Amino acid sequence: MESTGISHIAVCVRDMDKSLAFYRDILGMKVTKDFMQDTSTGGLTHTYKHKRDNRRTVYLDWGQPQFFVMTSHPGDQTDGDGIKLDQVGVSHVSFTVKDVTGLADHLIANGVEIAGGIEAFADENGNVRTFFAFDPDGILVQFDSGIES
């Protein structure tokens, strides 16, 4: 395979409004598409664990060529929990940001839980170059400065 990059990142969420409040309102991503799809027939039926009649899909722009996608299933219960770093599957999504501590302060001020607290991510000099936060579904979202510690 000769790849030119990652196309997009997608997550399934329980409550689209709560997730939009986090990704759009707190993180500042911009909604570029928001639509409903019939998932009761066709190729998508083989990509689900359970039968689903429809899904809401929202595309978010975060300032890169790649885009972020959230899906939900209005009227259906969504099962499962956000996984942790030691579980099989895609464990988290990570974004490089210009001001790691400024973003952490912004998230904390908006009631977002930082995994272990922001102090857990400080190096021996008190610098924070990366941290993990939980989105409304408990999905780990990492933010880093792009500099390896």
Protein backbone atom coordinates (compact mmCIF):
# COMPACT_ATOMS: atom_id res chain seq x y z
CA MET A 1 0.00 0.00 0.00
CA GLU A 2 1.25 3.44 -0.86
CA SER A 3 -0.65 5.81 1.38
CA THR A 4 -0.64 9.58 1.26
CA GLY A 5 -2.13 10.02 4.74
CA ILE A 6 -5.09 9.31 6.96
CA SER A 7 -8.43 10.20 5.35
CA HIS A 8 -10.52 10.67 8.49
CA ILE A 9 -11.13 9.60 12.08
CA ALA A 10 -14.59 8.36 13.05
CA VAL A 11 -16.23 7.64 16.41
CA CYS A 12 -19.71 6.44 17.31
CA VAL A 13 -21.30 8.46 20.12
CA ARG A 14 -24.33 7.92 22.34
CA ASP A 15 -25.63 11.49 22.33
CA MET A 16 -24.73 13.67 19.35
CA ASP A 17 -25.71 16.90 21.12
CA LYS A 18 -23.40 16.19 24.08
CA SER A 19 -20.59 15.24 21.74
CA LEU A 20 -21.10 18.36 19.62
CA ALA A 21 -20.94 20.42 22.81
CA PHE A 22 -17.48 18.93 23.40
CA TYR A 23 -15.94 18.75 19.91
CA ARG A 24 -17.64 21.77 18.34
CA ASP A 25 -18.35 24.13 21.22
CA ILE A 26 -15.40 23.47 23.57
CA LEU A 27 -12.68 22.35 21.11
CA GLY A 28 -13.83 24.69 18.33
CA MET A 29 -14.20 22.20 15.47
CA LYS A 30 -16.51 23.34 12.66
CA VAL A 31 -19.44 21.25 11.42
CA THR A 32 -19.19 20.86 7.65
CA LYS A 33 -21.88 18.17 7.12
CA ASP A 34 -24.76 16.86 9.23
CA PHE A 35 -27.07 14.26 7.70
CA MET A 36 -29.13 11.12 8.30
CA GLN A 37 -28.48 7.83 6.48
CA ASP A 38 -30.71 4.78 6.04
CA THR A 39 -28.65 1.86 7.37
CA SER A 40 -31.37 -0.78 7.22
CA THR A 41 -30.29 -2.19 3.83
CA GLY A 42 -27.22 -2.30 1.64
CA GLY A 43 -23.53 -2.64 2.37
CA LEU A 44 -23.57 -0.91 5.72
CA THR A 45 -25.60 -3.71 7.34
CA HIS A 46 -22.45 -5.85 7.38
CA THR A 47 -20.41 -3.24 9.27
CA TYR A 48 -22.64 -3.14 12.37
CA LYS A 49 -22.80 -5.41 15.39
CA HIS A 50 -26.58 -4.85 15.69
CA LYS A 51 -29.30 -4.07 13.16
CA ARG A 52 -29.63 -0.30 12.86
CA ASP A 53 -32.30 1.53 10.89
CA ASN A 54 -30.45 4.82 10.53
CA ARG A 55 -27.49 6.84 11.62
CA ARG A 56 -26.77 10.51 11.97
CA THR A 57 -23.38 11.49 10.62
CA VAL A 58 -21.61 14.74 11.39
CA TYR A 59 -18.35 15.80 9.72
CA LEU A 60 -16.13 18.20 11.63
CA ASP A 61 -13.25 20.29 10.29
CA TRP A 62 -10.34 20.69 12.69
CA GLY A 63 -8.02 22.68 10.44
CA GLN A 64 -6.31 19.82 8.62
CA PRO A 65 -6.89 18.01 5.31
CA GLN A 66 -8.28 15.07 7.31
CA PHE A 67 -11.70 15.35 8.90
CA PHE A 68 -13.33 14.06 12.07
CA VAL A 69 -16.61 12.13 11.84
CA MET A 70 -19.14 11.38 14.57
CA THR A 71 -22.03 8.98 14.11
CA SER A 72 -25.00 8.20 16.34
CA HIS A 73 -28.12 6.10 16.02
CA PRO A 74 -31.14 8.21 17.01
CA GLY A 75 -33.82 6.14 18.70
CA ASP A 76 -31.46 3.18 19.31
CA GLN A 77 -29.41 2.33 22.37
CA THR A 78 -25.70 2.36 21.58
CA ASP A 79 -23.74 -0.27 23.47
CA GLY A 80 -20.12 -0.40 24.53
CA ASP A 81 -17.80 1.92 26.39
CA GLY A 82 -14.77 3.96 25.41
CA ILE A 83 -11.77 1.66 25.66
CA LYS A 84 -8.54 2.33 27.51
CA LEU A 85 -4.94 2.10 26.32
CA ASP A 86 -4.56 -1.54 27.39
CA GLN A 87 -7.60 -2.87 25.49
CA VAL A 88 -7.76 -4.25 21.95
CA GLY A 89 -8.98 -1.73 19.40
CA VAL A 90 -8.30 1.86 18.52
CA SER A 91 -7.67 3.28 21.98
CA HIS A 92 -7.63 7.01 21.36
CA VAL A 93 -7.34 9.87 18.91
CA SER A 94 -4.58 12.46 19.36
CA PHE A 95 -4.39 16.05 18.18
CA THR A 96 -1.27 18.21 18.09
CA VAL A 97 -2.10 21.65 19.47
CA LYS A 98 -0.16 24.90 19.78
CA ASP A 99 -0.83 25.52 23.50
CA VAL A 100 -1.20 22.29 25.48
CA THR A 101 -1.55 23.89 28.93
CA GLY A 102 -3.86 26.62 27.63
CA LEU A 103 -6.14 23.98 26.12
CA ALA A 104 -6.03 21.93 29.33
CA ASP A 105 -7.08 25.00 31.32
CA HIS A 106 -9.90 25.66 28.82
CA LEU A 107 -11.16 22.07 29.04
CA ILE A 108 -11.02 22.02 32.84
CA ALA A 109 -12.90 25.35 32.98
CA ASN A 110 -15.60 23.73 30.82
CA GLY A 111 -15.96 20.71 33.11
CA VAL A 112 -14.05 18.23 30.94
CA GLU A 113 -12.35 15.43 32.90
CA ILE A 114 -8.59 15.16 32.41
CA ALA A 115 -7.50 11.53 32.85
CA GLY A 116 -5.65 11.46 36.18
CA GLY A 117 -5.63 15.26 36.45
CA ILE A 118 -3.36 17.59 34.53
CA GLU A 119 -0.60 17.36 37.16
CA ALA A 120 -0.18 13.66 36.26
CA PHE A 121 1.23 14.74 32.88
CA ALA A 122 3.87 17.21 34.11
CA ASP A 123 7.50 16.27 33.51
CA GLU A 124 10.28 16.72 36.09
CA ASN A 125 10.39 20.44 35.24
CA GLY A 126 6.63 20.92 35.57
CA ASN A 127 6.06 21.16 31.79
CA VAL A 128 3.00 19.53 30.27
CA ARG A 129 3.60 18.42 26.66
CA THR A 130 0.68 16.01 26.43
CA PHE A 131 -2.46 14.93 28.27
CA PHE A 132 -5.53 12.78 27.86
CA ALA A 133 -9.11 13.95 28.37
CA PHE A 134 -12.39 12.04 28.25
CA ASP A 135 -15.08 13.03 25.76
CA PRO A 136 -18.75 12.68 26.82
CA ASP A 137 -18.68 8.92 25.98
CA GLY A 138 -15.46 8.24 27.86
CA ILE A 139 -13.41 8.07 24.66
CA LEU A 140 -9.80 9.03 25.31
CA VAL A 141 -8.71 12.13 23.40
CA GLN A 142 -5.04 13.04 23.60
CA PHE A 143 -3.59 16.49 23.00
CA ASP A 144 0.14 17.01 22.53
CA SER A 145 2.64 19.65 21.52
CA GLY A 146 4.10 17.52 18.72
CA ILE A 147 7.34 17.29 20.68
CA GLU A 148 8.28 13.88 22.02
CA SER A 149 9.04 13.84 25.72
